C-alpha atoms as a PDB file:
ATOM      1  CA  UNK A   1     -12.007   9.994   3.400  1.00  0.00           C
ATOM      2  CA  UNK A   2      -9.234   9.441   5.933  1.00  0.00           C
ATOM      3  CA  UNK A   3      -5.684  10.609   5.452  1.00  0.00           C
ATOM      4  CA  UNK A   4      -3.299   7.908   4.300  1.00  0.00           C
ATOM      5  CA  UNK A   5       0.229   7.690   5.688  1.00  0.00           C
ATOM      6  CA  UNK A   6       2.696   6.417   3.080  1.00  0.00           C
ATOM      7  CA  UNK A   7       6.263   5.180   3.270  1.00  0.00           C
ATOM      8  CA  UNK A   8       8.640   3.564   0.793  1.00  0.00           C
ATOM      9  CA  UNK A   9      11.582   1.312   1.613  1.00  0.00           C
ATOM     10  CA  UNK A  10      14.012   1.860  -1.275  1.00  0.00           C
ATOM     11  CA  UNK A  11      16.398  -0.879  -0.181  1.00  0.00           C
ATOM     12  CA  UNK A  12      13.766  -3.621  -0.343  1.00  0.00           C
ATOM     13  CA  UNK A  13      11.349  -1.949  -2.810  1.00  0.00           C
ATOM     14  CA  UNK A  14       8.361  -2.159  -0.473  1.00  0.00           C
ATOM     15  CA  UNK A  15       5.629   0.469  -0.388  1.00  0.00           C
ATOM     16  CA  UNK A  16       3.461   0.935   2.699  1.00  0.00           C
ATOM     17  CA  UNK A  17       0.171   2.819   2.959  1.00  0.00           C
ATOM     18  CA  UNK A  18      -1.949   2.881   6.081  1.00  0.00           C
ATOM     19  CA  UNK A  19      -4.773   4.743   7.699  1.00  0.00           C
ATOM     20  CA  UNK A  20      -3.684   6.335  10.997  1.00  0.00           C
ATOM     21  CA  UNK A  21      -5.566   4.103  13.450  1.00  0.00           C
ATOM     22  CA  UNK A  22      -4.712   2.628  16.791  1.00  0.00           C
ATOM     23  CA  UNK A  23      -6.274  -0.733  16.069  1.00  0.00           C
ATOM     24  CA  UNK A  24      -4.653  -4.132  16.055  1.00  0.00           C
ATOM     25  CA  UNK A  25      -4.592  -5.649  12.598  1.00  0.00           C
ATOM     26  CA  UNK A  26      -4.053  -8.993  10.946  1.00  0.00           C
ATOM     27  CA  UNK A  27      -2.626  -9.455   7.456  1.00  0.00           C
ATOM     28  CA  UNK A  28      -3.451 -11.374   4.305  1.00  0.00           C
ATOM     29  CA  UNK A  29      -1.051 -11.688   1.373  1.00  0.00           C
ATOM     30  CA  UNK A  30      -2.335 -12.372  -2.118  1.00  0.00           C
ATOM     31  CA  UNK A  31      -0.502 -14.125  -4.946  1.00  0.00           C
ATOM     32  CA  UNK A  32       0.640 -10.757  -6.354  1.00  0.00           C
ATOM     33  CA  UNK A  33       2.718  -9.773  -3.312  1.00  0.00           C
ATOM     34  CA  UNK A  34       0.188  -7.344  -1.881  1.00  0.00           C
ATOM     35  CA  UNK A  35      -0.273  -7.581   1.872  1.00  0.00           C
ATOM     36  CA  UNK A  36      -3.558  -6.187   3.144  1.00  0.00           C
ATOM     37  CA  UNK A  37      -3.924  -5.201   6.798  1.00  0.00           C
ATOM     38  CA  UNK A  38      -7.393  -5.631   8.338  1.00  0.00           C
ATOM     39  CA  UNK A  39      -8.759  -4.424  11.662  1.00  0.00           C
ATOM     40  CA  UNK A  40      -9.268  -7.324  14.034  1.00  0.00           C
ATOM     41  CA  UNK A  41     -12.406  -5.660  15.434  1.00  0.00           C
ATOM     42  CA  UNK A  42     -14.146  -4.541  12.240  1.00  0.00           C
ATOM     43  CA  UNK A  43     -12.318  -6.390   9.426  1.00  0.00           C
ATOM     44  CA  UNK A  44     -11.997  -3.061   7.563  1.00  0.00           C
ATOM     45  CA  UNK A  45      -8.801  -2.467   5.601  1.00  0.00           C
ATOM     46  CA  UNK A  46      -6.288  -0.486   7.651  1.00  0.00           C
ATOM     47  CA  UNK A  47      -3.399  -0.512   5.185  1.00  0.00           C
ATOM     48  CA  UNK A  48      -1.313  -2.312   2.597  1.00  0.00           C
ATOM     49  CA  UNK A  49       2.263  -3.281   1.850  1.00  0.00           C
ATOM     50  CA  UNK A  50       3.308  -3.933  -1.747  1.00  0.00           C
ATOM     51  CA  UNK A  51       6.454  -5.917  -2.543  1.00  0.00           C
ATOM     52  CA  UNK A  52       8.541  -5.058  -5.657  1.00  0.00           C
ATOM     53  CA  UNK A  53       6.550  -1.829  -5.831  1.00  0.00           C
ATOM     54  CA  UNK A  54       8.774   0.380  -8.000  1.00  0.00           C
ATOM     55  CA  UNK A  55       9.719  -2.458 -10.343  1.00  0.00           C
ATOM     56  CA  UNK A  56       6.090  -3.449 -10.886  1.00  0.00           C
ATOM     57  CA  UNK A  57       4.867   0.140 -11.224  1.00  0.00           C
ATOM     58  CA  UNK A  58       7.509   0.879 -13.875  1.00  0.00           C
ATOM     59  CA  UNK A  59       6.936  -2.290 -15.905  1.00  0.00           C
ATOM     60  CA  UNK A  60       3.156  -1.820 -15.865  1.00  0.00           C
ATOM     61  CA  UNK A  61       2.237  -4.911 -13.841  1.00  0.00           C
ATOM     62  CA  UNK A  62       0.900  -2.790 -10.958  1.00  0.00           C
ATOM     63  CA  UNK A  63      -1.817  -0.162 -11.253  1.00  0.00           C
ATOM     64  CA  UNK A  64      -2.454   2.218  -8.358  1.00  0.00           C
ATOM     65  CA  UNK A  65      -6.185   2.328  -8.991  1.00  0.00           C
ATOM     66  CA  UNK A  66      -6.470  -1.458  -8.580  1.00  0.00           C
ATOM     67  CA  UNK A  67      -5.064  -1.622  -5.040  1.00  0.00           C
ATOM     68  CA  UNK A  68      -7.332  -2.201  -2.004  1.00  0.00           C
ATOM     69  CA  UNK A  69      -6.405   1.281  -0.679  1.00  0.00           C
ATOM     70  CA  UNK A  70      -7.151   4.186  -3.064  1.00  0.00           C
ATOM     71  CA  UNK A  71      -3.772   5.599  -4.108  1.00  0.00           C
ATOM     72  CA  UNK A  72      -4.297   6.919  -7.627  1.00  0.00           C
ATOM     73  CA  UNK A  73      -4.851  10.454  -6.322  1.00  0.00           C
ATOM     74  CA  UNK A  74      -1.390  10.334  -4.713  1.00  0.00           C
ATOM     75  CA  UNK A  75       0.426   9.421  -7.938  1.00  0.00           C
ATOM     76  CA  UNK A  76       2.692  12.519  -7.943  1.00  0.00           C
ATOM     77  CA  UNK A  77       3.681  12.075  -4.287  1.00  0.00           C
ATOM     78  CA  UNK A  78       4.347   8.368  -4.835  1.00  0.00           C
ATOM     79  CA  UNK A  79       6.471   9.045  -7.913  1.00  0.00           C
ATOM     80  CA  UNK A  80       8.616  11.490  -5.918  1.00  0.00           C
ATOM     81  CA  UNK A  81       8.996   8.937  -3.107  1.00  0.00           C
ATOM     82  CA  UNK A  82      10.275   6.194  -5.388  1.00  0.00           C
ATOM     83  CA  UNK A  83      12.572   8.304  -7.578  1.00  0.00           C
END
């Protein structure tokens, strides 16, 4: 499994997770405010951005294990980023 780079924008409550690749990507946003980045060449997922991340995580409407990028194993690191 590749390493995932993560970042959290506290001002706008947006969480970013991406695989460190040098590929151009396109995005798709679903109805739940999750933006998925896909490689233009291979269509594989290269990362995600999640709007209202902290709010949704705290009120239970977002589950880390249901995201298109596996983040459940990073729960402790994520919790420290958003606190």
